[in-house]
């Protein structure tokens, strides 16, 4: 393993993040405050609890997921797209680095940024509502795995996109709607039977459900199913990245 090469990519990407640390930190904090004002106060005043959990506390896992899914894709997609845009990607491809080492460097840096933002949202939420984390290990597991998996998805999008506008196409038109419809701010058990079955086709449901279970042991699907789904998604993304580097798709032309 070329640890020096991986560290060079990782440190460069982290340095780029620190140059915009104000924007990176301010954005999720402001968004969290607004969500608590709208959902926690306005809607929470009409809904006392969901599954025995106070509504303000209930939405915390979904709010964290909503933030880190968007941040993960944005960070990773821009991180790999910019070298393609400037042409410096050819220097990286010609370096003595395997595709795994390149992926670890870019995805690792983007996942670190997403993880930090997730913790910032969690700390911010603590100022608005009291909550507890019943299973800290599983909370960290879902947080880390979600960051890594969706950063890999963002990495794929960054390679696929042939323009800056396409970097936001999938996050805006697919990921954000799926997150809002994935039980982030409600339990799918509150829906009619037909829409509950439709919701189970949404992969974000399993992420939010498993993450919420780690807080309150309250979930829409079993923890085993949630873990299985995120691992399946992880391996699918890894398989696509492997194919991209082996074929040179959007990298060598």
C-alpha atoms as a PDB file:
ATOM      1  CA  UNK A   1       0.000   0.000   0.000  1.00  0.00           C
ATOM      2  CA  UNK A   2       1.263   3.442  -0.948  1.00  0.00           C
ATOM      3  CA  UNK A   3       0.432   5.192   2.329  1.00  0.00           C
ATOM      4  CA  UNK A   4       2.318   8.333   1.391  1.00  0.00           C
ATOM      5  CA  UNK A   5       0.305   8.700  -1.805  1.00  0.00           C
ATOM      6  CA  UNK A   6      -3.000   8.134  -0.013  1.00  0.00           C
ATOM      7  CA  UNK A   7      -2.020  10.647   2.661  1.00  0.00           C
ATOM      8  CA  UNK A   8      -1.104  13.214  -0.020  1.00  0.00           C
ATOM      9  CA  UNK A   9      -4.584  12.992  -1.561  1.00  0.00           C
ATOM     10  CA  UNK A  10      -6.280  12.899   1.842  1.00  0.00           C
ATOM     11  CA  UNK A  11      -4.378  15.878   3.261  1.00  0.00           C
ATOM     12  CA  UNK A  12      -4.902  17.947   0.098  1.00  0.00           C
ATOM     13  CA  UNK A  13      -8.660  17.369   0.212  1.00  0.00           C
ATOM     14  CA  UNK A  14      -8.824  18.124   3.934  1.00  0.00           C
ATOM     15  CA  UNK A  15      -6.828  21.341   3.430  1.00  0.00           C
ATOM     16  CA  UNK A  16      -9.362  22.409   0.796  1.00  0.00           C
ATOM     17  CA  UNK A  17     -12.153  21.793   3.313  1.00  0.00           C
ATOM     18  CA  UNK A  18     -10.430  23.824   6.039  1.00  0.00           C
ATOM     19  CA  UNK A  19     -10.216  26.803   3.676  1.00  0.00           C
ATOM     20  CA  UNK A  20     -14.032  26.940   3.692  1.00  0.00           C
ATOM     21  CA  UNK A  21     -14.536  25.774   7.273  1.00  0.00           C
ATOM     22  CA  UNK A  22     -16.829  28.717   8.067  1.00  0.00           C
ATOM     23  CA  UNK A  23     -19.207  27.824   5.262  1.00  0.00           C
ATOM     24  CA  UNK A  24     -18.941  24.098   6.000  1.00  0.00           C
ATOM     25  CA  UNK A  25     -19.847  24.559   9.661  1.00  0.00           C
ATOM     26  CA  UNK A  26     -22.310  27.438   9.380  1.00  0.00           C
ATOM     27  CA  UNK A  27     -24.495  25.789   6.747  1.00  0.00           C
ATOM     28  CA  UNK A  28     -25.445  22.624   8.722  1.00  0.00           C
ATOM     29  CA  UNK A  29     -25.848  24.586  11.969  1.00  0.00           C
ATOM     30  CA  UNK A  30     -28.219  27.106  10.382  1.00  0.00           C
ATOM     31  CA  UNK A  31     -30.131  24.331   8.608  1.00  0.00           C
ATOM     32  CA  UNK A  32     -30.487  22.396  11.868  1.00  0.00           C
ATOM     33  CA  UNK A  33     -31.818  25.458  13.679  1.00  0.00           C
ATOM     34  CA  UNK A  34     -34.360  26.129  10.926  1.00  0.00           C
ATOM     35  CA  UNK A  35     -35.529  22.511  10.845  1.00  0.00           C
ATOM     36  CA  UNK A  36     -36.066  22.542  14.608  1.00  0.00           C
ATOM     37  CA  UNK A  37     -37.984  25.803  14.366  1.00  0.00           C
ATOM     38  CA  UNK A  38     -40.235  24.487  11.578  1.00  0.00           C
ATOM     39  CA  UNK A  39     -40.572  20.814  12.444  1.00  0.00           C
ATOM     40  CA  UNK A  40     -39.723  20.768  16.139  1.00  0.00           C
ATOM     41  CA  UNK A  41     -41.866  23.741  17.134  1.00  0.00           C
ATOM     42  CA  UNK A  42     -44.603  24.082  14.522  1.00  0.00           C
ATOM     43  CA  UNK A  43     -45.251  20.411  13.858  1.00  0.00           C
ATOM     44  CA  UNK A  44     -43.973  19.145  17.199  1.00  0.00           C
ATOM     45  CA  UNK A  45     -46.619  21.198  19.005  1.00  0.00           C
ATOM     46  CA  UNK A  46     -49.278  19.141  17.223  1.00  0.00           C
ATOM     47  CA  UNK A  47     -47.545  15.756  17.560  1.00  0.00           C
ATOM     48  CA  UNK A  48     -46.670  14.911  21.150  1.00  0.00           C
ATOM     49  CA  UNK A  49     -44.603  11.800  20.438  1.00  0.00           C
ATOM     50  CA  UNK A  50     -43.931   9.082  17.871  1.00  0.00           C
ATOM     51  CA  UNK A  51     -43.571   5.562  19.206  1.00  0.00           C
ATOM     52  CA  UNK A  52     -43.090   6.880  22.730  1.00  0.00           C
ATOM     53  CA  UNK A  53     -40.347   9.315  21.675  1.00  0.00           C
ATOM     54  CA  UNK A  54     -40.817  13.093  21.867  1.00  0.00           C
ATOM     55  CA  UNK A  55     -41.205  14.404  18.319  1.00  0.00           C
ATOM     56  CA  UNK A  56     -38.335  16.888  18.634  1.00  0.00           C
ATOM     57  CA  UNK A  57     -36.022  14.047  19.637  1.00  0.00           C
ATOM     58  CA  UNK A  58     -37.546  11.671  17.090  1.00  0.00           C
ATOM     59  CA  UNK A  59     -36.456  13.785  14.113  1.00  0.00           C
ATOM     60  CA  UNK A  60     -32.793  14.075  15.184  1.00  0.00           C
ATOM     61  CA  UNK A  61     -31.565  10.875  13.459  1.00  0.00           C
ATOM     62  CA  UNK A  62     -33.451  11.794  10.287  1.00  0.00           C
ATOM     63  CA  UNK A  63     -32.102  15.327  10.382  1.00  0.00           C
ATOM     64  CA  UNK A  64     -28.530  14.067  10.703  1.00  0.00           C
ATOM     65  CA  UNK A  65     -29.080  11.655   7.813  1.00  0.00           C
ATOM     66  CA  UNK A  66     -30.585  14.392   5.666  1.00  0.00           C
ATOM     67  CA  UNK A  67     -27.521  16.565   6.255  1.00  0.00           C
ATOM     68  CA  UNK A  68     -24.783  13.984   5.807  1.00  0.00           C
ATOM     69  CA  UNK A  69     -26.311  12.394   2.705  1.00  0.00           C
ATOM     70  CA  UNK A  70     -26.251  15.721   0.905  1.00  0.00           C
ATOM     71  CA  UNK A  71     -22.840  16.709   2.251  1.00  0.00           C
ATOM     72  CA  UNK A  72     -21.316  13.311   1.461  1.00  0.00           C
ATOM     73  CA  UNK A  73     -22.338  13.351  -2.181  1.00  0.00           C
ATOM     74  CA  UNK A  74     -21.409  17.005  -2.631  1.00  0.00           C
ATOM     75  CA  UNK A  75     -17.956  16.681  -1.036  1.00  0.00           C
ATOM     76  CA  UNK A  76     -16.937  13.509  -2.838  1.00  0.00           C
ATOM     77  CA  UNK A  77     -18.327  14.420  -6.261  1.00  0.00           C
ATOM     78  CA  UNK A  78     -16.611  17.818  -6.360  1.00  0.00           C
ATOM     79  CA  UNK A  79     -13.378  16.348  -4.962  1.00  0.00           C
ATOM     80  CA  UNK A  80     -12.901  14.001  -7.927  1.00  0.00           C
ATOM     81  CA  UNK A  81     -14.623  16.148 -10.579  1.00  0.00           C
ATOM     82  CA  UNK A  82     -12.320  19.154 -10.127  1.00  0.00           C
ATOM     83  CA  UNK A  83      -9.115  17.204 -11.020  1.00  0.00           C
ATOM     84  CA  UNK A  84     -10.950  15.942 -14.114  1.00  0.00           C
ATOM     85  CA  UNK A  85     -12.000  19.486 -14.982  1.00  0.00           C
ATOM     86  CA  UNK A  86      -8.468  20.891 -14.617  1.00  0.00           C
ATOM     87  CA  UNK A  87      -6.744  17.859 -16.153  1.00  0.00           C
ATOM     88  CA  UNK A  88      -4.689  17.023 -13.069  1.00  0.00           C
ATOM     89  CA  UNK A  89      -6.450  13.662 -12.869  1.00  0.00           C
ATOM     90  CA  UNK A  90      -3.902  12.313 -15.381  1.00  0.00           C
ATOM     91  CA  UNK A  91      -1.071  13.031 -12.952  1.00  0.00           C
ATOM     92  CA  UNK A  92      -2.908  11.047 -10.278  1.00  0.00           C
ATOM     93  CA  UNK A  93      -3.611   8.159 -12.659  1.00  0.00           C
ATOM     94  CA  UNK A  94       0.056   8.040 -13.727  1.00  0.00           C
ATOM     95  CA  UNK A  95       1.284   8.002 -10.110  1.00  0.00           C
ATOM     96  CA  UNK A  96       2.194   4.664  -8.482  1.00  0.00           C
ATOM     97  CA  UNK A  97      -1.258   4.392  -6.902  1.00  0.00           C
ATOM     98  CA  UNK A  98      -3.844   1.659  -7.325  1.00  0.00           C
ATOM     99  CA  UNK A  99      -7.507   2.553  -7.797  1.00  0.00           C
ATOM    100  CA  UNK A 100      -8.156   1.383  -4.232  1.00  0.00           C
ATOM    101  CA  UNK A 101      -5.567   3.810  -2.868  1.00  0.00           C
ATOM    102  CA  UNK A 102      -6.952   6.679  -4.949  1.00  0.00           C
ATOM    103  CA  UNK A 103     -10.473   5.885  -3.780  1.00  0.00           C
ATOM    104  CA  UNK A 104      -9.388   5.661  -0.138  1.00  0.00           C
ATOM    105  CA  UNK A 105      -7.693   9.053  -0.379  1.00  0.00           C
ATOM    106  CA  UNK A 106     -10.640  10.901  -1.897  1.00  0.00           C
ATOM    107  CA  UNK A 107     -13.470   9.023  -0.183  1.00  0.00           C
ATOM    108  CA  UNK A 108     -11.634   9.007   3.165  1.00  0.00           C
ATOM    109  CA  UNK A 109     -11.259  12.789   3.157  1.00  0.00           C
ATOM    110  CA  UNK A 110     -14.861  13.389   2.085  1.00  0.00           C
ATOM    111  CA  UNK A 111     -16.129  10.869   4.667  1.00  0.00           C
ATOM    112  CA  UNK A 112     -14.138  12.621   7.402  1.00  0.00           C
ATOM    113  CA  UNK A 113     -15.754  15.944   6.511  1.00  0.00           C
ATOM    114  CA  UNK A 114     -19.231  14.390   6.445  1.00  0.00           C
ATOM    115  CA  UNK A 115     -18.626  12.656   9.771  1.00  0.00           C
ATOM    116  CA  UNK A 116     -17.550  15.919  11.417  1.00  0.00           C
ATOM    117  CA  UNK A 117     -20.631  17.680  10.039  1.00  0.00           C
ATOM    118  CA  UNK A 118     -22.830  14.882  11.395  1.00  0.00           C
ATOM    119  CA  UNK A 119     -21.343  15.378  14.864  1.00  0.00           C
ATOM    120  CA  UNK A 120     -21.869  19.148  14.568  1.00  0.00           C
ATOM    121  CA  UNK A 121     -25.558  18.595  13.776  1.00  0.00           C
ATOM    122  CA  UNK A 122     -25.822  16.206  16.739  1.00  0.00           C
ATOM    123  CA  UNK A 123     -24.253  18.761  19.097  1.00  0.00           C
ATOM    124  CA  UNK A 124     -26.486  21.537  17.722  1.00  0.00           C
ATOM    125  CA  UNK A 125     -29.593  19.410  18.269  1.00  0.00           C
ATOM    126  CA  UNK A 126     -28.610  18.984  21.909  1.00  0.00           C
ATOM    127  CA  UNK A 127     -29.353  22.696  22.469  1.00  0.00           C
ATOM    128  CA  UNK A 128     -32.974  22.246  21.385  1.00  0.00           C
ATOM    129  CA  UNK A 129     -34.104  18.929  22.817  1.00  0.00           C
ATOM    130  CA  UNK A 130     -32.982  16.307  25.317  1.00  0.00           C
ATOM    131  CA  UNK A 131     -32.205  12.904  23.868  1.00  0.00           C
ATOM    132  CA  UNK A 132     -30.182   9.799  24.624  1.00  0.00           C
ATOM    133  CA  UNK A 133     -28.170   7.359  22.554  1.00  0.00           C
ATOM    134  CA  UNK A 134     -29.002   3.862  23.757  1.00  0.00           C
ATOM    135  CA  UNK A 135     -26.525   2.089  21.458  1.00  0.00           C
ATOM    136  CA  UNK A 136     -23.483   4.341  20.850  1.00  0.00           C
ATOM    137  CA  UNK A 137     -21.595   1.630  18.946  1.00  0.00           C
ATOM    138  CA  UNK A 138     -24.389   1.133  16.427  1.00  0.00           C
ATOM    139  CA  UNK A 139     -24.880   4.888  16.163  1.00  0.00           C
ATOM    140  CA  UNK A 140     -21.233   5.295  15.184  1.00  0.00           C
ATOM    141  CA  UNK A 141     -21.458   2.293  12.860  1.00  0.00           C
ATOM    142  CA  UNK A 142     -24.383   3.715  10.911  1.00  0.00           C
ATOM    143  CA  UNK A 143     -22.870   7.193  10.863  1.00  0.00           C
ATOM    144  CA  UNK A 144     -19.510   5.990   9.545  1.00  0.00           C
ATOM    145  CA  UNK A 145     -20.974   3.496   7.065  1.00  0.00           C
ATOM    146  CA  UNK A 146     -23.431   6.058   5.712  1.00  0.00           C
ATOM    147  CA  UNK A 147     -20.646   8.610   5.264  1.00  0.00           C
ATOM    148  CA  UNK A 148     -18.392   6.108   3.488  1.00  0.00           C
ATOM    149  CA  UNK A 149     -21.127   4.608   1.303  1.00  0.00           C
ATOM    150  CA  UNK A 150     -22.618   7.880   0.107  1.00  0.00           C
ATOM    151  CA  UNK A 151     -19.188   9.395  -0.403  1.00  0.00           C
ATOM    152  CA  UNK A 152     -18.481   6.480  -2.715  1.00  0.00           C
ATOM    153  CA  UNK A 153     -21.739   7.279  -4.510  1.00  0.00           C
ATOM    154  CA  UNK A 154     -20.633  10.912  -4.747  1.00  0.00           C
ATOM    155  CA  UNK A 155     -17.250   9.743  -6.086  1.00  0.00           C
ATOM    156  CA  UNK A 156     -19.095   7.836  -8.827  1.00  0.00           C
ATOM    157  CA  UNK A 157     -21.236  10.871  -9.653  1.00  0.00           C
ATOM    158  CA  UNK A 158     -18.131  13.064  -9.824  1.00  0.00           C
ATOM    159  CA  UNK A 159     -16.619  10.725 -12.423  1.00  0.00           C
ATOM    160  CA  UNK A 160     -19.871  10.364 -14.369  1.00  0.00           C
ATOM    161  CA  UNK A 161     -20.669  14.087 -14.526  1.00  0.00           C
ATOM    162  CA  UNK A 162     -19.397  15.998 -17.554  1.00  0.00           C
ATOM    163  CA  UNK A 163     -20.443  19.418 -16.249  1.00  0.00           C
ATOM    164  CA  UNK A 164     -20.891  21.250 -12.961  1.00  0.00           C
ATOM    165  CA  UNK A 165     -24.670  21.227 -13.333  1.00  0.00           C
ATOM    166  CA  UNK A 166     -24.720  17.416 -13.364  1.00  0.00           C
ATOM    167  CA  UNK A 167     -22.976  17.286  -9.986  1.00  0.00           C
ATOM    168  CA  UNK A 168     -26.228  18.499  -8.402  1.00  0.00           C
ATOM    169  CA  UNK A 169     -28.617  16.615 -10.674  1.00  0.00           C
ATOM    170  CA  UNK A 170     -28.818  13.332  -8.754  1.00  0.00           C
ATOM    171  CA  UNK A 171     -28.606  14.874  -5.232  1.00  0.00           C
ATOM    172  CA  UNK A 172     -31.407  17.369  -5.966  1.00  0.00           C
ATOM    173  CA  UNK A 173     -33.720  15.187  -8.035  1.00  0.00           C
ATOM    174  CA  UNK A 174     -33.189  11.797  -6.395  1.00  0.00           C
ATOM    175  CA  UNK A 175     -31.334  11.777  -3.053  1.00  0.00           C
ATOM    176  CA  UNK A 176     -33.104  14.725  -1.370  1.00  0.00           C
ATOM    177  CA  UNK A 177     -36.643  13.526  -2.246  1.00  0.00           C
ATOM    178  CA  UNK A 178     -35.789   9.972  -1.161  1.00  0.00           C
ATOM    179  CA  UNK A 179     -34.477  11.321   2.160  1.00  0.00           C
ATOM    180  CA  UNK A 180     -37.612  13.361   2.851  1.00  0.00           C
ATOM    181  CA  UNK A 181     -39.786  10.370   1.891  1.00  0.00           C
ATOM    182  CA  UNK A 182     -37.594   7.924   3.806  1.00  0.00           C
ATOM    183  CA  UNK A 183     -39.042   8.499   7.270  1.00  0.00           C
ATOM    184  CA  UNK A 184     -36.650  11.268   8.274  1.00  0.00           C
ATOM    185  CA  UNK A 185     -39.404  13.306   9.921  1.00  0.00           C
ATOM    186  CA  UNK A 186     -42.060  10.645  10.439  1.00  0.00           C
ATOM    187  CA  UNK A 187     -42.479   6.925  10.935  1.00  0.00           C
ATOM    188  CA  UNK A 188     -43.604   5.005   7.871  1.00  0.00           C
ATOM    189  CA  UNK A 189     -45.875   3.053  10.230  1.00  0.00           C
ATOM    190  CA  UNK A 190     -48.043   6.188  10.270  1.00  0.00           C
ATOM    191  CA  UNK A 191     -48.782   5.679   6.556  1.00  0.00           C
ATOM    192  CA  UNK A 192     -51.544   3.527   5.017  1.00  0.00           C
ATOM    193  CA  UNK A 193     -50.544  -0.077   4.306  1.00  0.00           C
ATOM    194  CA  UNK A 194     -50.051   0.519   0.576  1.00  0.00           C
ATOM    195  CA  UNK A 195     -47.682   3.463   1.086  1.00  0.00           C
ATOM    196  CA  UNK A 196     -45.792   1.553   3.774  1.00  0.00           C
ATOM    197  CA  UNK A 197     -44.995  -1.117   1.191  1.00  0.00           C
ATOM    198  CA  UNK A 198     -44.007   1.526  -1.355  1.00  0.00           C
ATOM    199  CA  UNK A 199     -41.747   3.194   1.217  1.00  0.00           C
ATOM    200  CA  UNK A 200     -39.846  -0.069   1.700  1.00  0.00           C
ATOM    201  CA  UNK A 201     -38.567   0.344  -1.872  1.00  0.00           C
ATOM    202  CA  UNK A 202     -36.747   3.474  -0.717  1.00  0.00           C
ATOM    203  CA  UNK A 203     -33.192   2.531   0.413  1.00  0.00           C
ATOM    204  CA  UNK A 204     -32.963   5.597   2.662  1.00  0.00           C
ATOM    205  CA  UNK A 205     -35.709   4.127   4.867  1.00  0.00           C
ATOM    206  CA  UNK A 206     -33.301   1.417   6.037  1.00  0.00           C
ATOM    207  CA  UNK A 207     -30.548   3.917   6.841  1.00  0.00           C
ATOM    208  CA  UNK A 208     -32.809   6.238   8.827  1.00  0.00           C
ATOM    209  CA  UNK A 209     -34.564   3.363  10.578  1.00  0.00           C
ATOM    210  CA  UNK A 210     -31.343   1.691  11.690  1.00  0.00           C
ATOM    211  CA  UNK A 211     -29.826   4.990  12.774  1.00  0.00           C
ATOM    212  CA  UNK A 212     -32.951   5.891  14.774  1.00  0.00           C
ATOM    213  CA  UNK A 213     -32.916   2.456  16.415  1.00  0.00           C
ATOM    214  CA  UNK A 214     -29.426   3.150  17.749  1.00  0.00           C
ATOM    215  CA  UNK A 215     -30.846   6.188  19.560  1.00  0.00           C
ATOM    216  CA  UNK A 216     -34.209   4.987  20.915  1.00  0.00           C
ATOM    217  CA  UNK A 217     -34.638   1.307  19.922  1.00  0.00           C
ATOM    218  CA  UNK A 218     -37.448   2.611  17.747  1.00  0.00           C
ATOM    219  CA  UNK A 219     -37.374   1.535  14.106  1.00  0.00           C
ATOM    220  CA  UNK A 220     -39.585   0.843  11.101  1.00  0.00           C
ATOM    221  CA  UNK A 221     -37.589  -2.201   9.962  1.00  0.00           C
ATOM    222  CA  UNK A 222     -35.353  -4.644  11.808  1.00  0.00           C
ATOM    223  CA  UNK A 223     -31.791  -3.658  12.629  1.00  0.00           C
ATOM    224  CA  UNK A 224     -30.549  -6.753  10.758  1.00  0.00           C
ATOM    225  CA  UNK A 225     -32.280  -5.625   7.581  1.00  0.00           C
ATOM    226  CA  UNK A 226     -30.858  -2.112   7.950  1.00  0.00           C
ATOM    227  CA  UNK A 227     -27.292  -3.394   8.359  1.00  0.00           C
ATOM    228  CA  UNK A 228     -27.692  -5.780   5.421  1.00  0.00           C
ATOM    229  CA  UNK A 229     -29.000  -3.062   3.129  1.00  0.00           C
ATOM    230  CA  UNK A 230     -26.203  -0.601   3.854  1.00  0.00           C
ATOM    231  CA  UNK A 231     -23.574  -3.311   3.305  1.00  0.00           C
ATOM    232  CA  UNK A 232     -25.202  -4.298   0.005  1.00  0.00           C
ATOM    233  CA  UNK A 233     -25.188  -0.670  -1.120  1.00  0.00           C
ATOM    234  CA  UNK A 234     -21.548  -0.345  -0.068  1.00  0.00           C
ATOM    235  CA  UNK A 235     -20.461  -3.330  -2.155  1.00  0.00           C
ATOM    236  CA  UNK A 236     -22.510  -2.149  -5.145  1.00  0.00           C
ATOM    237  CA  UNK A 237     -20.716   1.213  -5.065  1.00  0.00           C
ATOM    238  CA  UNK A 238     -17.341  -0.511  -4.675  1.00  0.00           C
ATOM    239  CA  UNK A 239     -18.121  -2.740  -7.650  1.00  0.00           C
ATOM    240  CA  UNK A 240     -19.023   0.264  -9.819  1.00  0.00           C
ATOM    241  CA  UNK A 241     -15.819   2.090  -8.837  1.00  0.00           C
ATOM    242  CA  UNK A 242     -13.775  -1.023  -9.677  1.00  0.00           C
ATOM    243  CA  UNK A 243     -15.416  -1.187 -13.110  1.00  0.00           C
ATOM    244  CA  UNK A 244     -14.796   2.539 -13.709  1.00  0.00           C
ATOM    245  CA  UNK A 245     -11.065   2.272 -13.068  1.00  0.00           C
ATOM    246  CA  UNK A 246     -10.681  -0.974 -15.013  1.00  0.00           C
ATOM    247  CA  UNK A 247     -12.447   0.429 -18.081  1.00  0.00           C
ATOM    248  CA  UNK A 248     -11.231   4.032 -17.724  1.00  0.00           C
ATOM    249  CA  UNK A 249     -14.803   5.321 -18.025  1.00  0.00           C
ATOM    250  CA  UNK A 250     -14.727   9.159 -18.113  1.00  0.00           C
ATOM    251  CA  UNK A 251     -11.127   9.055 -16.824  1.00  0.00           C
ATOM    252  CA  UNK A 252      -8.984   8.306 -19.867  1.00  0.00           C
ATOM    253  CA  UNK A 253     -10.802  10.410 -22.421  1.00  0.00           C
END
